[in-house]
Structure formats: C-alpha cells, structure tokens
C-alpha atoms as a PDB file:
ATOM      1  CA  MET A   1     -60.387   9.994  -5.672  1.00  0.00           C
ATOM      2  CA  LYS A   2     -63.042   7.255  -5.887  1.00  0.00           C
ATOM      3  CA  ILE A   3     -65.798   9.857  -5.666  1.00  0.00           C
ATOM      4  CA  LEU A   4     -64.251  11.840  -8.525  1.00  0.00           C
ATOM      5  CA  LEU A   5     -64.025   8.692 -10.674  1.00  0.00           C
ATOM      6  CA  LEU A   6     -67.608   7.741  -9.861  1.00  0.00           C
ATOM      7  CA  ALA A   7     -68.812  11.255 -10.693  1.00  0.00           C
ATOM      8  CA  ALA A   8     -66.965  11.147 -14.029  1.00  0.00           C
ATOM      9  CA  LEU A   9     -68.553   7.796 -14.906  1.00  0.00           C
ATOM     10  CA  VAL A  10     -72.040   9.005 -14.002  1.00  0.00           C
ATOM     11  CA  LEU A  11     -71.534  12.166 -16.061  1.00  0.00           C
ATOM     12  CA  ALA A  12     -70.264  10.210 -19.081  1.00  0.00           C
ATOM     13  CA  PHE A  13     -73.143   7.741 -18.870  1.00  0.00           C
ATOM     14  CA  SER A  14     -75.822  10.415 -18.471  1.00  0.00           C
ATOM     15  CA  SER A  15     -74.531  12.521 -21.380  1.00  0.00           C
ATOM     16  CA  GLY A  16     -74.512   9.434 -23.603  1.00  0.00           C
ATOM     17  CA  CYS A  17     -78.089   8.679 -22.629  1.00  0.00           C
ATOM     18  CA  GLN A  18     -79.143  12.250 -23.354  1.00  0.00           C
ATOM     19  CA  ARG A  19     -77.553  12.107 -26.835  1.00  0.00           C
ATOM     20  CA  GLU A  20     -79.294   8.804 -27.555  1.00  0.00           C
ATOM     21  CA  ALA A  21     -82.621  10.202 -26.353  1.00  0.00           C
ATOM     22  CA  ARG A  22     -82.226  13.155 -28.751  1.00  0.00           C
ATOM     23  CA  LEU A  23     -81.437  10.834 -31.639  1.00  0.00           C
ATOM     24  CA  VAL A  24     -84.413   8.584 -30.907  1.00  0.00           C
ATOM     25  CA  SER A  25     -86.852  11.497 -30.661  1.00  0.00           C
ATOM     26  CA  THR A  26     -85.446  13.049 -33.850  1.00  0.00           C
ATOM     27  CA  ARG A  27     -85.907   9.800 -35.764  1.00  0.00           C
ATOM     28  CA  GLN A  28     -89.578   9.774 -34.771  1.00  0.00           C
ATOM     29  CA  VAL A  29     -90.025  13.104 -36.573  1.00  0.00           C
ATOM     30  CA  VAL A  30     -90.649  12.259 -40.227  1.00  0.00           C
ATOM     31  CA  PRO A  31     -90.538  15.288 -42.531  1.00  0.00           C
ATOM     32  CA  GLY A  32     -93.674  15.400 -44.650  1.00  0.00           C
ATOM     33  CA  LYS A  33     -95.694  13.336 -42.148  1.00  0.00           C
ATOM     34  CA  THR A  34     -95.158  14.658 -38.606  1.00  0.00           C
ATOM     35  CA  SER A  35     -97.366  17.566 -37.510  1.00  0.00           C
ATOM     36  CA  ILE A  36     -96.228  20.531 -35.458  1.00  0.00           C
ATOM     37  CA  THR A  37     -98.379  19.246 -32.592  1.00  0.00           C
ATOM     38  CA  GLU A  38     -96.672  15.844 -32.701  1.00  0.00           C
ATOM     39  CA  LEU A  39     -93.258  17.531 -32.720  1.00  0.00           C
ATOM     40  CA  THR A  40     -94.060  19.657 -29.680  1.00  0.00           C
ATOM     41  CA  ASP A  41     -95.555  16.623 -27.903  1.00  0.00           C
ATOM     42  CA  GLN A  42     -92.267  14.730 -28.446  1.00  0.00           C
ATOM     43  CA  ARG A  43     -89.743  17.541 -28.027  1.00  0.00           C
ATOM     44  CA  GLY A  44     -91.564  20.191 -26.015  1.00  0.00           C
ATOM     45  CA  PRO A  45     -91.969  23.796 -27.082  1.00  0.00           C
ATOM     46  CA  PRO A  46     -89.246  25.196 -29.348  1.00  0.00           C
ATOM     47  CA  LEU A  47     -86.657  27.618 -28.010  1.00  0.00           C
ATOM     48  CA  ARG A  48     -87.578  29.938 -30.859  1.00  0.00           C
ATOM     49  CA  ALA A  49     -90.209  30.006 -33.595  1.00  0.00           C
ATOM     50  CA  ALA A  50     -89.771  32.415 -36.490  1.00  0.00           C
ATOM     51  CA  PRO A  51     -91.673  32.950 -39.742  1.00  0.00           C
ATOM     52  CA  LEU A  52     -89.809  32.497 -43.020  1.00  0.00           C
ATOM     53  CA  GLU A  53     -90.008  35.714 -45.001  1.00  0.00           C
ATOM     54  CA  SER A  54     -89.254  33.916 -48.268  1.00  0.00           C
ATOM     55  CA  ARG A  55     -92.135  31.424 -47.792  1.00  0.00           C
ATOM     56  CA  PRO A  56     -95.411  32.852 -46.511  1.00  0.00           C
ATOM     57  CA  GLY A  57     -97.095  30.453 -44.086  1.00  0.00           C
ATOM     58  CA  ALA A  58     -93.837  28.678 -43.260  1.00  0.00           C
ATOM     59  CA  GLU A  59     -91.895  28.896 -40.005  1.00  0.00           C
ATOM     60  CA  THR A  60     -88.749  27.530 -38.400  1.00  0.00           C
ATOM     61  CA  LEU A  61     -88.769  25.914 -34.971  1.00  0.00           C
ATOM     62  CA  SER A  62     -85.399  25.887 -33.192  1.00  0.00           C
ATOM     63  CA  TYR A  63     -84.492  23.356 -30.493  1.00  0.00           C
ATOM     64  CA  PRO A  64     -81.458  22.781 -28.247  1.00  0.00           C
ATOM     65  CA  GLY A  65     -78.442  21.161 -29.848  1.00  0.00           C
ATOM     66  CA  ASN A  66     -78.581  23.438 -32.916  1.00  0.00           C
ATOM     67  CA  GLU A  67     -81.540  21.573 -34.413  1.00  0.00           C
ATOM     68  CA  THR A  68     -84.134  23.331 -36.545  1.00  0.00           C
ATOM     69  CA  PHE A  69     -87.366  22.134 -38.099  1.00  0.00           C
ATOM     70  CA  GLN A  70     -89.215  23.867 -40.923  1.00  0.00           C
ATOM     71  CA  ALA A  71     -92.997  23.688 -40.857  1.00  0.00           C
ATOM     72  CA  GLU A  72     -95.547  24.523 -43.517  1.00  0.00           C
ATOM     73  CA  GLN A  73     -99.324  24.137 -43.301  1.00  0.00           C
ATOM     74  CA  GLY A  74     -99.071  22.452 -39.904  1.00  0.00           C
ATOM     75  CA  LYS A  75     -96.570  19.773 -41.022  1.00  0.00           C
ATOM     76  CA  ILE A  76     -92.835  19.425 -40.537  1.00  0.00           C
ATOM     77  CA  VAL A  77     -91.302  19.524 -44.022  1.00  0.00           C
ATOM     78  CA  ALA A  78     -87.585  19.643 -43.198  1.00  0.00           C
ATOM     79  CA  HIS A  79     -85.148  19.085 -40.345  1.00  0.00           C
ATOM     80  CA  TRP A  80     -81.521  20.193 -40.143  1.00  0.00           C
ATOM     81  CA  ARG A  81     -78.888  19.636 -37.498  1.00  0.00           C
ATOM     82  CA  ASP A  82     -75.168  19.506 -36.880  1.00  0.00           C
ATOM     83  CA  PRO A  83     -73.561  16.234 -37.974  1.00  0.00           C
ATOM     84  CA  GLU A  84     -72.845  13.582 -35.376  1.00  0.00           C
ATOM     85  CA  PRO A  85     -69.070  12.982 -34.937  1.00  0.00           C
ATOM     86  CA  GLY A  86     -69.001  10.078 -37.399  1.00  0.00           C
ATOM     87  CA  GLU A  87     -71.009  11.992 -40.019  1.00  0.00           C
ATOM     88  CA  ALA A  88     -68.678  14.973 -40.345  1.00  0.00           C
ATOM     89  CA  THR A  89     -66.712  13.715 -43.359  1.00  0.00           C
ATOM     90  CA  LEU A  90     -67.764  13.547 -46.985  1.00  0.00           C
ATOM     91  CA  GLN A  91     -66.311  10.032 -47.126  1.00  0.00           C
ATOM     92  CA  TYR A  92     -68.941   8.857 -44.610  1.00  0.00           C
ATOM     93  CA  TRP A  93     -71.794  10.126 -46.812  1.00  0.00           C
ATOM     94  CA  ARG A  94     -70.331   8.738 -50.027  1.00  0.00           C
ATOM     95  CA  HIS A  95     -70.050   5.350 -48.334  1.00  0.00           C
ATOM     96  CA  ARG A  96     -73.578   5.604 -46.890  1.00  0.00           C
ATOM     97  CA  TRP A  97     -74.999   6.525 -50.297  1.00  0.00           C
ATOM     98  CA  LYS A  98     -72.915   3.977 -52.209  1.00  0.00           C
ATOM     99  CA  GLY A  99     -74.778   2.827 -55.304  1.00  0.00           C
ATOM    100  CA  GLN A 100     -76.945   5.961 -55.318  1.00  0.00           C
ATOM    101  CA  ASN A 101     -76.442   8.952 -57.567  1.00  0.00           C
ATOM    102  CA  PRO A 102     -76.260  11.957 -55.216  1.00  0.00           C
ATOM    103  CA  ARG A 103     -76.313  15.454 -56.715  1.00  0.00           C
ATOM    104  CA  TYR A 104     -73.445  17.790 -55.839  1.00  0.00           C
ATOM    105  CA  GLU A 105     -74.218  21.481 -56.352  1.00  0.00           C
ATOM    106  CA  GLU A 106     -72.807  24.802 -55.206  1.00  0.00           C
ATOM    107  CA  ILE A 107     -74.953  26.715 -52.712  1.00  0.00           C
ATOM    108  CA  ALA A 108     -75.683  30.144 -54.157  1.00  0.00           C
ATOM    109  CA  GLY A 109     -74.356  33.080 -52.159  1.00  0.00           C
ATOM    110  CA  THR A 110     -71.711  31.127 -50.225  1.00  0.00           C
ATOM    111  CA  ARG A 111     -68.693  31.969 -52.399  1.00  0.00           C
ATOM    112  CA  ASP A 112     -66.185  34.080 -50.468  1.00  0.00           C
ATOM    113  CA  ALA A 113     -63.581  36.575 -51.701  1.00  0.00           C
ATOM    114  CA  HIS A 114     -61.089  33.733 -52.271  1.00  0.00           C
ATOM    115  CA  GLY A 115     -63.482  31.824 -54.531  1.00  0.00           C
ATOM    116  CA  ASN A 116     -64.375  29.141 -51.969  1.00  0.00           C
ATOM    117  CA  ALA A 117     -67.987  28.035 -51.695  1.00  0.00           C
ATOM    118  CA  GLU A 118     -70.107  25.532 -49.784  1.00  0.00           C
ATOM    119  CA  PHE A 119     -71.813  22.678 -51.578  1.00  0.00           C
ATOM    120  CA  LEU A 120     -74.995  20.684 -51.132  1.00  0.00           C
ATOM    121  CA  LEU A 121     -74.719  16.952 -51.627  1.00  0.00           C
ATOM    122  CA  ARG A 122     -78.242  15.561 -51.977  1.00  0.00           C
ATOM    123  CA  ASP A 123     -79.502  12.003 -52.174  1.00  0.00           C
ATOM    124  CA  SER A 124     -83.137  12.122 -53.270  1.00  0.00           C
ATOM    125  CA  SER A 125     -83.733   8.404 -52.638  1.00  0.00           C
ATOM    126  CA  SER A 126     -83.128   8.836 -48.892  1.00  0.00           C
ATOM    127  CA  GLN A 127     -84.453  12.433 -48.810  1.00  0.00           C
ATOM    128  CA  THR A 128     -81.237  13.504 -47.099  1.00  0.00           C
ATOM    129  CA  ALA A 129     -78.711  16.190 -47.936  1.00  0.00           C
ATOM    130  CA  VAL A 130     -75.537  17.548 -46.390  1.00  0.00           C
ATOM    131  CA  VAL A 131     -73.887  20.960 -46.553  1.00  0.00           C
ATOM    132  CA  TYR A 132     -70.197  20.460 -47.265  1.00  0.00           C
ATOM    133  CA  ASP A 133     -67.282  22.895 -46.967  1.00  0.00           C
ATOM    134  CA  PRO A 134     -64.465  21.564 -49.204  1.00  0.00           C
ATOM    135  CA  ARG A 135     -61.993  24.134 -47.840  1.00  0.00           C
ATOM    136  CA  ARG A 136     -62.243  22.539 -44.375  1.00  0.00           C
ATOM    137  CA  ASP A 137     -63.198  19.094 -45.729  1.00  0.00           C
ATOM    138  CA  ARG A 138     -66.131  18.989 -43.292  1.00  0.00           C
ATOM    139  CA  VAL A 139     -69.858  18.397 -43.436  1.00  0.00           C
ATOM    140  CA  LEU A 140     -71.463  21.392 -41.701  1.00  0.00           C
ATOM    141  CA  ARG A 141     -75.150  20.423 -41.590  1.00  0.00           C
ATOM    142  CA  VAL A 142     -77.310  17.359 -42.182  1.00  0.00           C
ATOM    143  CA  LEU A 143     -80.755  17.922 -43.674  1.00  0.00           C
ATOM    144  CA  ARG A 144     -83.754  15.622 -43.996  1.00  0.00           C
ATOM    145  CA  TYR A 145     -86.741  16.679 -46.036  1.00  0.00           C
ATOM    146  CA  GLY A 146     -90.189  15.376 -46.929  1.00  0.00           C
ATOM    147  CA  GLN A 147     -91.778  14.516 -50.256  1.00  0.00           C
END
C-alpha cells in the first residue's frame, strides 16, 4: 500500500513538473522574434512540419500536447495551443483583458446546420486571441501572434 501511494505521489509530481517545463519553454518562444532554429533548440524537432497552401513560404510545426507554431521567413509568427484548465472559460479571458477592448468576431466557415458558429475573441494589446464555442461555453484554442 505504501509503495502504491509513493508511486502515485511521484507520478503526480513528475507530471506537474513536465507541464511546468512545457509552459516555461513556450513562454520563451516570442512570436515575431523567435527563429525556427531557436524553437527547435528549445523544443527539439517538431513531430510534423507542413507547408501552408494558403501562404507560400509559410509552414506549421506541430509539437506534443497539441501545440502548433506557424513560421514564415525563418521566424515564428504565431503559436496556438489548447487552453490550460483555468483558461477554458470566456469569463477568465474577460477578466484577464479587463480594461482592454477585445474584438469579438465570428470565424468564417464554422457555422453548422443549426446556426451555431465559433468566435474569435482578440486582444491586440496583448497579441493574444482565443477561439470560443458559445454552444459549449468553452474556449477551444489559445493563440499568440507577433507584430
């Protein structure tokens, strides 16, 4: 029983450390300033790299944990990821951006047969945006972008 408890504690501690390590390394990546080389030095090679058909010369670099970076001309220009547990509500982002004037716009092509759509809530002062699904009242993705 003691071994099982000890194993559970070690597992909980190590997974928390891994999450923190991912957050720290992600914060070091600054869209608009970090190069692809710096990203791969920090994070290792991507799981998948794919060109963007809609933007010649641009590519997406996918990493574990459902994180993706967009690169253009050798620089990281955007980063998107799943929200952390505390970031999954629109209330969190409205509180975080209190005093700012975020833009709230429908994302084209997301409207379903029932008329529901996803929205982008963007705060240009912090260069952050979130994809929000009002039907589920959940933030689906968090995006950071460069200048």
